[in-house]
Every structure is written in C-alpha cells, then in structure tokens.
Amino acid sequence: MDLLVVNPNTTASMTEIIDRAARRVARPGTRIVTVGSESGPPSIQGYLDGALCLAGMLDQVERHRGVDGVVIACFDDTGLDAVRCMVDAPVLGIGQSACYAARMLSNRFTVVTTLSRSVPLLEANLQRYGMTSRIAAVRATDIPVLELERMSSETMDTMRRVIETAITEDRSDAIVLGCAGMTDLMQRLSKEFGMPVIDGLSCAVTMAEALVASGLRTSKAGAYG
C-alpha cells in the first residue's frame, strides 16, 4: 500500500524527520510518500498558522490522489475534515490518532505540547473527539516547534519537568506528545518514565495501515460526501 504523509509546514528538515519516523514503524510492503507544503508558514503554532498552511497542504493532497491512505503530520489535525472531503482513502491526523491510542492504553492522559497559544485549539479538538472524561490536561512547554529540531539539553530538561508535573499533579498514567517535532522522543521517554509516552505519527501510520488492510474507506454518505 502507498501512504501519503503530509507535513503542512514548509520546513524541509522537519519533513525529513517525519519521513524517517514514518518509515521506522511502517510495515514491510508499505510505501511511505512524505511531502511538505510548498507554501505557508515554517511551523504551525496556533490558529493563524493553521489557516495559512491549508492551501499548500491541500495542493499536495491533490497531487497524490492515488494513494491508499493519508496521514496529516500536524498535531492540530490541520485540515483533517477538508482532506476527508477530497479523497475516499482513510485520512488520519496525528493528534486524533495519538489521543485514541492513549484512551486505549491508559485511564488518564496529559498532552504535552509546544506554545501556550496552541492549548485552546487542542482542548477544543479533544472535546470534539469525546476525550473530556479521559484528558487530565493540555500542558505547554513553551518550546517553539523549530527549537525541537535541535533538542538541546535545556529543551529535554523542560520536557521532563512538564511530564513530571503531569504525573504528580494531573495523576496521568500516559503522556501524549503534542507535536510532530517530538516524534523521536517516544521510546526514550517511555522507558525513562515507565509509562506510555505516545507519538501520534507512529500511531497514525500504523492505524492507517490497519484501515487500508481492512478495506475500509472514508464515508461519503454525509459531511465528507
């Protein structure tokens, strides 16, 4: 099967990180096609960036209509409904996928994201996804998205402090990493904290593979028709 993984921002180095992470979890025989937007913001941090990236992201989806499934590699699930209207292949956002996985693996979870201005958007998504009974909190690290690429010791220390707060104050038994730029931290932090630290990109790729293998498609009977 062919899976299209779309990075809605224009930063090529982040697209490369996303591509490596998607290939790492994909099944043998799955062809990962990873693309970044050619127009729009260099990172997506809040409502305005999400709006500005849509045209470039939808253009990439249009160019790759023949794929078997689509993964939107932005934790905001930017343009998720629009892409589901465009294609009948399964379309998964990494935010929705990570939170569904957390719901299956834990009783309470905390989302650890980047800037504070993203928190209201993610809270609204969680409410829409029916997660309000399971989400303990959405916590911001106030680390800009592009700073995650450098992953300095100071950045890692901040991530650890926020996760420790989620465990002690939120009483969470799982952590969801709220940015595609955090994808490489899943295994390291899961081992360090002794609980699931969930990367949405890994979840979205493997869930998309399962839906395609099951022969399921996006419904065109209602809003996505």
C-alpha atoms as a PDB file:
ATOM      1  CA  MET A   1       0.000   0.000   0.000  1.00  0.00           C
ATOM      2  CA  ASP A   2       1.008   3.636  -0.512  1.00  0.00           C
ATOM      3  CA  LEU A   3       0.602   6.090   2.380  1.00  0.00           C
ATOM      4  CA  LEU A   4       0.911   9.827   1.873  1.00  0.00           C
ATOM      5  CA  VAL A   5       2.339  11.608   4.927  1.00  0.00           C
ATOM      6  CA  VAL A   6       1.846  15.367   4.651  1.00  0.00           C
ATOM      7  CA  ASN A   7       3.800  17.882   6.711  1.00  0.00           C
ATOM      8  CA  PRO A   8       1.614  21.001   6.493  1.00  0.00           C
ATOM      9  CA  ASN A   9       4.534  23.371   7.151  1.00  0.00           C
ATOM     10  CA  THR A  10       7.335  24.345   4.784  1.00  0.00           C
ATOM     11  CA  THR A  11      10.380  23.343   6.875  1.00  0.00           C
ATOM     12  CA  ALA A  12      12.237  20.683   4.870  1.00  0.00           C
ATOM     13  CA  SER A  13      14.259  19.407   7.835  1.00  0.00           C
ATOM     14  CA  MET A  14      11.050  18.660   9.752  1.00  0.00           C
ATOM     15  CA  THR A  15       9.656  16.820   6.727  1.00  0.00           C
ATOM     16  CA  GLU A  16      12.802  14.654   6.777  1.00  0.00           C
ATOM     17  CA  ILE A  17      12.330  13.864  10.495  1.00  0.00           C
ATOM     18  CA  ILE A  18       8.698  12.943   9.853  1.00  0.00           C
ATOM     19  CA  ASP A  19       9.681  10.737   6.914  1.00  0.00           C
ATOM     20  CA  ARG A  20      12.251   8.789   8.950  1.00  0.00           C
ATOM     21  CA  ALA A  21       9.794   8.273  11.797  1.00  0.00           C
ATOM     22  CA  ALA A  22       7.026   7.080   9.467  1.00  0.00           C
ATOM     23  CA  ARG A  23       9.320   4.616   7.699  1.00  0.00           C
ATOM     24  CA  ARG A  24      10.546   3.286  11.049  1.00  0.00           C
ATOM     25  CA  VAL A  25       7.086   1.999  12.028  1.00  0.00           C
ATOM     26  CA  ALA A  26       5.625   1.161   8.606  1.00  0.00           C
ATOM     27  CA  ARG A  27       5.019  -2.456   7.659  1.00  0.00           C
ATOM     28  CA  PRO A  28       7.173  -4.178   5.054  1.00  0.00           C
ATOM     29  CA  GLY A  29       5.465  -3.534   1.758  1.00  0.00           C
ATOM     30  CA  THR A  30       4.111  -0.111   2.762  1.00  0.00           C
ATOM     31  CA  ARG A  31       5.493   2.696   0.624  1.00  0.00           C
ATOM     32  CA  ILE A  32       5.723   5.952   2.563  1.00  0.00           C
ATOM     33  CA  VAL A  33       5.444   9.101   0.443  1.00  0.00           C
ATOM     34  CA  THR A  34       6.316  12.079   2.634  1.00  0.00           C
ATOM     35  CA  VAL A  35       5.837  15.626   1.368  1.00  0.00           C
ATOM     36  CA  GLY A  36       5.922  19.097   2.858  1.00  0.00           C
ATOM     37  CA  SER A  37       3.896  22.113   1.844  1.00  0.00           C
ATOM     38  CA  GLU A  38       5.472  24.387  -0.743  1.00  0.00           C
ATOM     39  CA  SER A  39       3.684  27.471   0.589  1.00  0.00           C
ATOM     40  CA  GLY A  40       2.678  28.625   4.033  1.00  0.00           C
ATOM     41  CA  PRO A  41       4.355  29.055   7.432  1.00  0.00           C
ATOM     42  CA  PRO A  42       7.591  27.328   8.529  1.00  0.00           C
ATOM     43  CA  SER A  43       5.817  25.935  11.593  1.00  0.00           C
ATOM     44  CA  ILE A  44       2.237  25.631  12.811  1.00  0.00           C
ATOM     45  CA  GLN A  45       1.662  27.188  16.206  1.00  0.00           C
ATOM     46  CA  GLY A  46      -1.936  28.217  16.650  1.00  0.00           C
ATOM     47  CA  TYR A  47      -4.982  29.211  14.643  1.00  0.00           C
ATOM     48  CA  LEU A  48      -3.373  31.655  12.193  1.00  0.00           C
ATOM     49  CA  ASP A  49      -0.590  29.293  11.115  1.00  0.00           C
ATOM     50  CA  GLY A  50      -3.197  26.564  10.676  1.00  0.00           C
ATOM     51  CA  ALA A  51      -5.193  28.744   8.300  1.00  0.00           C
ATOM     52  CA  LEU A  52      -2.140  29.890   6.348  1.00  0.00           C
ATOM     53  CA  CYS A  53      -0.904  26.337   5.727  1.00  0.00           C
ATOM     54  CA  LEU A  54      -4.141  24.949   4.292  1.00  0.00           C
ATOM     55  CA  ALA A  55      -3.680  25.884   0.627  1.00  0.00           C
ATOM     56  CA  GLY A  56      -0.204  24.342   0.397  1.00  0.00           C
ATOM     57  CA  MET A  57      -1.259  21.176   2.207  1.00  0.00           C
ATOM     58  CA  LEU A  58      -4.393  20.646   0.116  1.00  0.00           C
ATOM     59  CA  ASP A  59      -2.354  21.157  -3.041  1.00  0.00           C
ATOM     60  CA  GLN A  60      -0.054  18.294  -2.041  1.00  0.00           C
ATOM     61  CA  VAL A  61      -3.020  16.019  -1.330  1.00  0.00           C
ATOM     62  CA  GLU A  62      -4.457  16.861  -4.755  1.00  0.00           C
ATOM     63  CA  ARG A  63      -1.162  15.891  -6.413  1.00  0.00           C
ATOM     64  CA  HIS A  64      -1.139  12.480  -4.710  1.00  0.00           C
ATOM     65  CA  ARG A  65      -4.762  11.424  -5.060  1.00  0.00           C
ATOM     66  CA  GLY A  66      -3.942   7.827  -5.950  1.00  0.00           C
ATOM     67  CA  VAL A  67      -2.561   6.825  -2.535  1.00  0.00           C
ATOM     68  CA  ASP A  68      -4.264   4.271  -0.285  1.00  0.00           C
ATOM     69  CA  GLY A  69      -4.203   6.402   2.857  1.00  0.00           C
ATOM     70  CA  VAL A  70      -3.260   9.879   4.096  1.00  0.00           C
ATOM     71  CA  VAL A  71      -1.633  10.979   7.362  1.00  0.00           C
ATOM     72  CA  ILE A  72      -1.640  14.660   8.313  1.00  0.00           C
ATOM     73  CA  ALA A  73       1.537  15.181  10.339  1.00  0.00           C
ATOM     74  CA  CYS A  74       0.463  18.108  12.485  1.00  0.00           C
ATOM     75  CA  PHE A  75      -0.860  17.558  15.996  1.00  0.00           C
ATOM     76  CA  ASP A  76      -3.505  20.261  15.449  1.00  0.00           C
ATOM     77  CA  ASP A  77      -5.056  17.917  12.832  1.00  0.00           C
ATOM     78  CA  THR A  78      -4.999  20.861  10.472  1.00  0.00           C
ATOM     79  CA  GLY A  79      -7.357  20.448   7.508  1.00  0.00           C
ATOM     80  CA  LEU A  80      -8.412  16.934   8.576  1.00  0.00           C
ATOM     81  CA  ASP A  81     -12.071  17.325   7.590  1.00  0.00           C
ATOM     82  CA  ALA A  82     -11.197  19.081   4.333  1.00  0.00           C
ATOM     83  CA  VAL A  83      -8.877  16.272   3.237  1.00  0.00           C
ATOM     84  CA  ARG A  84     -11.529  13.681   4.109  1.00  0.00           C
ATOM     85  CA  CYS A  85     -13.823  15.522   1.711  1.00  0.00           C
ATOM     86  CA  MET A  86     -11.211  15.362  -1.046  1.00  0.00           C
ATOM     87  CA  VAL A  87     -10.415  11.642  -1.012  1.00  0.00           C
ATOM     88  CA  ASP A  88     -12.136   8.394  -0.092  1.00  0.00           C
ATOM     89  CA  ALA A  89      -8.938   6.828   1.254  1.00  0.00           C
ATOM     90  CA  PRO A  90      -8.645   6.785   5.069  1.00  0.00           C
ATOM     91  CA  VAL A  91      -7.310  10.110   6.385  1.00  0.00           C
ATOM     92  CA  LEU A  92      -5.796  10.266   9.863  1.00  0.00           C
ATOM     93  CA  GLY A  93      -4.491  13.187  11.881  1.00  0.00           C
ATOM     94  CA  ILE A  94      -1.674  12.525  14.317  1.00  0.00           C
ATOM     95  CA  GLY A  95      -3.467  14.368  17.127  1.00  0.00           C
ATOM     96  CA  GLN A  96      -6.648  12.325  16.917  1.00  0.00           C
ATOM     97  CA  SER A  97      -4.686   9.092  16.466  1.00  0.00           C
ATOM     98  CA  ALA A  98      -2.461   9.690  19.496  1.00  0.00           C
ATOM     99  CA  CYS A  99      -5.390  10.532  21.754  1.00  0.00           C
ATOM    100  CA  TYR A 100      -7.380   7.477  20.657  1.00  0.00           C
ATOM    101  CA  ALA A 101      -4.318   5.350  21.405  1.00  0.00           C
ATOM    102  CA  ALA A 102      -3.946   6.969  24.832  1.00  0.00           C
ATOM    103  CA  ARG A 103      -7.575   6.239  25.586  1.00  0.00           C
ATOM    104  CA  MET A 104      -6.996   2.550  24.834  1.00  0.00           C
ATOM    105  CA  LEU A 105      -3.763   2.350  26.831  1.00  0.00           C
ATOM    106  CA  SER A 106      -4.487   4.446  29.919  1.00  0.00           C
ATOM    107  CA  ASN A 107      -7.106   5.798  32.265  1.00  0.00           C
ATOM    108  CA  ARG A 108      -5.991   9.468  32.237  1.00  0.00           C
ATOM    109  CA  PHE A 109      -3.537  11.206  29.980  1.00  0.00           C
ATOM    110  CA  THR A 110      -1.902  14.600  29.576  1.00  0.00           C
ATOM    111  CA  VAL A 111      -0.992  16.214  26.255  1.00  0.00           C
ATOM    112  CA  VAL A 112       2.412  17.934  26.324  1.00  0.00           C
ATOM    113  CA  THR A 113       2.629  20.478  23.525  1.00  0.00           C
ATOM    114  CA  THR A 114       4.732  23.442  22.397  1.00  0.00           C
ATOM    115  CA  LEU A 115       3.471  27.016  22.850  1.00  0.00           C
ATOM    116  CA  SER A 116       0.713  28.154  25.196  1.00  0.00           C
ATOM    117  CA  ARG A 117      -1.307  29.629  22.347  1.00  0.00           C
ATOM    118  CA  SER A 118      -1.868  26.118  20.987  1.00  0.00           C
ATOM    119  CA  VAL A 119      -3.575  24.922  24.165  1.00  0.00           C
ATOM    120  CA  PRO A 120      -7.123  26.250  23.457  1.00  0.00           C
ATOM    121  CA  LEU A 121      -7.089  24.746  19.957  1.00  0.00           C
ATOM    122  CA  LEU A 122      -6.031  21.334  21.261  1.00  0.00           C
ATOM    123  CA  GLU A 123      -8.579  21.476  24.076  1.00  0.00           C
ATOM    124  CA  ALA A 124     -11.312  22.168  21.512  1.00  0.00           C
ATOM    125  CA  ASN A 125     -10.162  19.193  19.427  1.00  0.00           C
ATOM    126  CA  LEU A 126     -10.200  16.923  22.467  1.00  0.00           C
ATOM    127  CA  GLN A 127     -13.723  17.978  23.310  1.00  0.00           C
ATOM    128  CA  ARG A 128     -14.787  17.260  19.746  1.00  0.00           C
ATOM    129  CA  TYR A 129     -13.162  13.828  19.875  1.00  0.00           C
ATOM    130  CA  GLY A 130     -15.089  12.929  23.030  1.00  0.00           C
ATOM    131  CA  MET A 131     -11.985  12.851  25.216  1.00  0.00           C
ATOM    132  CA  THR A 132     -13.035  15.183  28.024  1.00  0.00           C
ATOM    133  CA  SER A 133     -13.564  12.344  30.502  1.00  0.00           C
ATOM    134  CA  ARG A 134     -10.041  10.977  29.941  1.00  0.00           C
ATOM    135  CA  ILE A 135      -7.885  14.064  29.346  1.00  0.00           C
ATOM    136  CA  ALA A 136      -6.269  15.364  32.530  1.00  0.00           C
ATOM    137  CA  ALA A 137      -4.677  18.467  30.995  1.00  0.00           C
ATOM    138  CA  VAL A 138      -3.043  20.039  27.984  1.00  0.00           C
ATOM    139  CA  ARG A 139       0.284  21.452  29.144  1.00  0.00           C
ATOM    140  CA  ALA A 140       2.559  23.776  27.167  1.00  0.00           C
ATOM    141  CA  THR A 141       6.340  23.559  27.358  1.00  0.00           C
ATOM    142  CA  ASP A 142       6.652  26.960  25.642  1.00  0.00           C
ATOM    143  CA  ILE A 143       9.273  25.415  23.372  1.00  0.00           C
ATOM    144  CA  PRO A 144       8.830  26.659  19.771  1.00  0.00           C
ATOM    145  CA  VAL A 145       8.292  23.911  17.211  1.00  0.00           C
ATOM    146  CA  LEU A 146      11.527  24.509  15.319  1.00  0.00           C
ATOM    147  CA  GLU A 147      13.535  24.506  18.561  1.00  0.00           C
ATOM    148  CA  LEU A 148      12.656  20.816  18.906  1.00  0.00           C
ATOM    149  CA  GLU A 149      14.909  20.000  15.959  1.00  0.00           C
ATOM    150  CA  ARG A 150      17.985  20.995  17.955  1.00  0.00           C
ATOM    151  CA  MET A 151      16.811  19.090  21.051  1.00  0.00           C
ATOM    152  CA  SER A 152      19.305  20.727  23.404  1.00  0.00           C
ATOM    153  CA  SER A 153      19.803  19.534  26.954  1.00  0.00           C
ATOM    154  CA  GLU A 154      17.756  22.529  28.129  1.00  0.00           C
ATOM    155  CA  THR A 155      14.866  21.505  25.852  1.00  0.00           C
ATOM    156  CA  MET A 156      14.967  17.939  27.169  1.00  0.00           C
ATOM    157  CA  ASP A 157      15.045  19.182  30.765  1.00  0.00           C
ATOM    158  CA  THR A 158      11.944  21.288  30.093  1.00  0.00           C
ATOM    159  CA  MET A 159      10.140  18.325  28.559  1.00  0.00           C
ATOM    160  CA  ARG A 160      10.991  16.170  31.563  1.00  0.00           C
ATOM    161  CA  ARG A 161       9.795  18.807  34.041  1.00  0.00           C
ATOM    162  CA  VAL A 162       6.435  19.151  32.309  1.00  0.00           C
ATOM    163  CA  ILE A 163       5.981  15.368  32.163  1.00  0.00           C
ATOM    164  CA  GLU A 164       6.864  15.086  35.863  1.00  0.00           C
ATOM    165  CA  THR A 165       4.222  17.713  36.629  1.00  0.00           C
ATOM    166  CA  ALA A 166       1.669  15.786  34.565  1.00  0.00           C
ATOM    167  CA  ILE A 167       2.397  12.654  36.582  1.00  0.00           C
ATOM    168  CA  THR A 168       2.345  14.268  40.021  1.00  0.00           C
ATOM    169  CA  GLU A 169      -0.328  16.964  39.616  1.00  0.00           C
ATOM    170  CA  ASP A 170      -2.564  15.542  36.865  1.00  0.00           C
ATOM    171  CA  ARG A 171      -2.197  11.933  38.067  1.00  0.00           C
ATOM    172  CA  SER A 172      -1.832  10.903  34.437  1.00  0.00           C
ATOM    173  CA  ASP A 173      -0.718   7.408  33.530  1.00  0.00           C
ATOM    174  CA  ALA A 174       0.148   8.242  29.920  1.00  0.00           C
ATOM    175  CA  ILE A 175       1.638  11.219  28.091  1.00  0.00           C
ATOM    176  CA  VAL A 176       0.759  12.280  24.554  1.00  0.00           C
ATOM    177  CA  LEU A 177       3.463  14.203  22.691  1.00  0.00           C
ATOM    178  CA  GLY A 178       1.642  17.151  21.169  1.00  0.00           C
ATOM    179  CA  CYS A 179       3.845  17.964  18.175  1.00  0.00           C
ATOM    180  CA  ALA A 180       5.234  16.076  15.174  1.00  0.00           C
ATOM    181  CA  GLY A 181       8.638  17.517  16.081  1.00  0.00           C
ATOM    182  CA  MET A 182       8.627  15.361  19.250  1.00  0.00           C
ATOM    183  CA  THR A 183       8.312  12.081  17.338  1.00  0.00           C
ATOM    184  CA  ASP A 184      11.838  10.844  18.123  1.00  0.00           C
ATOM    185  CA  LEU A 185      11.275  11.094  21.893  1.00  0.00           C
ATOM    186  CA  MET A 186       8.648   8.365  22.293  1.00  0.00           C
ATOM    187  CA  GLN A 187      10.808   5.364  23.090  1.00  0.00           C
ATOM    188  CA  ARG A 188      13.333   7.260  25.197  1.00  0.00           C
ATOM    189  CA  LEU A 189      10.733   8.943  27.410  1.00  0.00           C
ATOM    190  CA  SER A 190       8.508   5.853  27.674  1.00  0.00           C
ATOM    191  CA  LYS A 191      11.462   3.928  29.093  1.00  0.00           C
ATOM    192  CA  GLU A 192      12.539   6.782  31.344  1.00  0.00           C
ATOM    193  CA  PHE A 193       9.118   7.359  32.935  1.00  0.00           C
ATOM    194  CA  GLY A 194       7.878   3.775  32.880  1.00  0.00           C
ATOM    195  CA  MET A 195       4.590   4.593  31.144  1.00  0.00           C
ATOM    196  CA  PRO A 196       3.316   5.115  27.593  1.00  0.00           C
ATOM    197  CA  VAL A 197       4.659   8.323  26.052  1.00  0.00           C
ATOM    198  CA  ILE A 198       2.734   8.354  22.801  1.00  0.00           C
ATOM    199  CA  ASP A 199       3.821   9.735  19.437  1.00  0.00           C
ATOM    200  CA  GLY A 200       0.902  10.498  17.143  1.00  0.00           C
ATOM    201  CA  LEU A 201       2.831   9.972  13.922  1.00  0.00           C
ATOM    202  CA  SER A 202       3.627   6.356  14.790  1.00  0.00           C
ATOM    203  CA  CYS A 203       0.007   5.788  15.783  1.00  0.00           C
ATOM    204  CA  ALA A 204      -1.418   7.422  12.652  1.00  0.00           C
ATOM    205  CA  VAL A 205       0.792   5.450  10.252  1.00  0.00           C
ATOM    206  CA  THR A 206       0.003   2.092  11.848  1.00  0.00           C
ATOM    207  CA  MET A 207      -3.714   2.884  12.228  1.00  0.00           C
ATOM    208  CA  ALA A 208      -3.893   3.968   8.581  1.00  0.00           C
ATOM    209  CA  GLU A 209      -2.259   0.697   7.548  1.00  0.00           C
ATOM    210  CA  ALA A 210      -4.839  -1.234   9.572  1.00  0.00           C
ATOM    211  CA  LEU A 211      -7.779   0.614   7.994  1.00  0.00           C
ATOM    212  CA  VAL A 212      -6.416   0.107   4.482  1.00  0.00           C
ATOM    213  CA  ALA A 213      -5.726  -3.583   5.159  1.00  0.00           C
ATOM    214  CA  SER A 214      -9.311  -3.941   6.432  1.00  0.00           C
ATOM    215  CA  GLY A 215     -10.678  -2.495   3.195  1.00  0.00           C
ATOM    216  CA  LEU A 216     -12.281   0.479   4.945  1.00  0.00           C
ATOM    217  CA  ARG A 217     -12.715   3.875   3.281  1.00  0.00           C
ATOM    218  CA  THR A 218     -13.818   7.347   4.304  1.00  0.00           C
ATOM    219  CA  SER A 219     -17.606   7.588   4.271  1.00  0.00           C
ATOM    220  CA  LYS A 220     -19.137   9.725   1.542  1.00  0.00           C
ATOM    221  CA  ALA A 221     -22.686   9.351   2.832  1.00  0.00           C
ATOM    222  CA  GLY A 222     -22.736  12.565   4.863  1.00  0.00           C
ATOM    223  CA  ALA A 223     -20.485  15.524   5.627  1.00  0.00           C
ATOM    224  CA  TYR A 224     -17.494  14.094   3.715  1.00  0.00           C
ATOM    225  CA  GLY A 225     -19.539  13.456   0.581  1.00  0.00           C
END
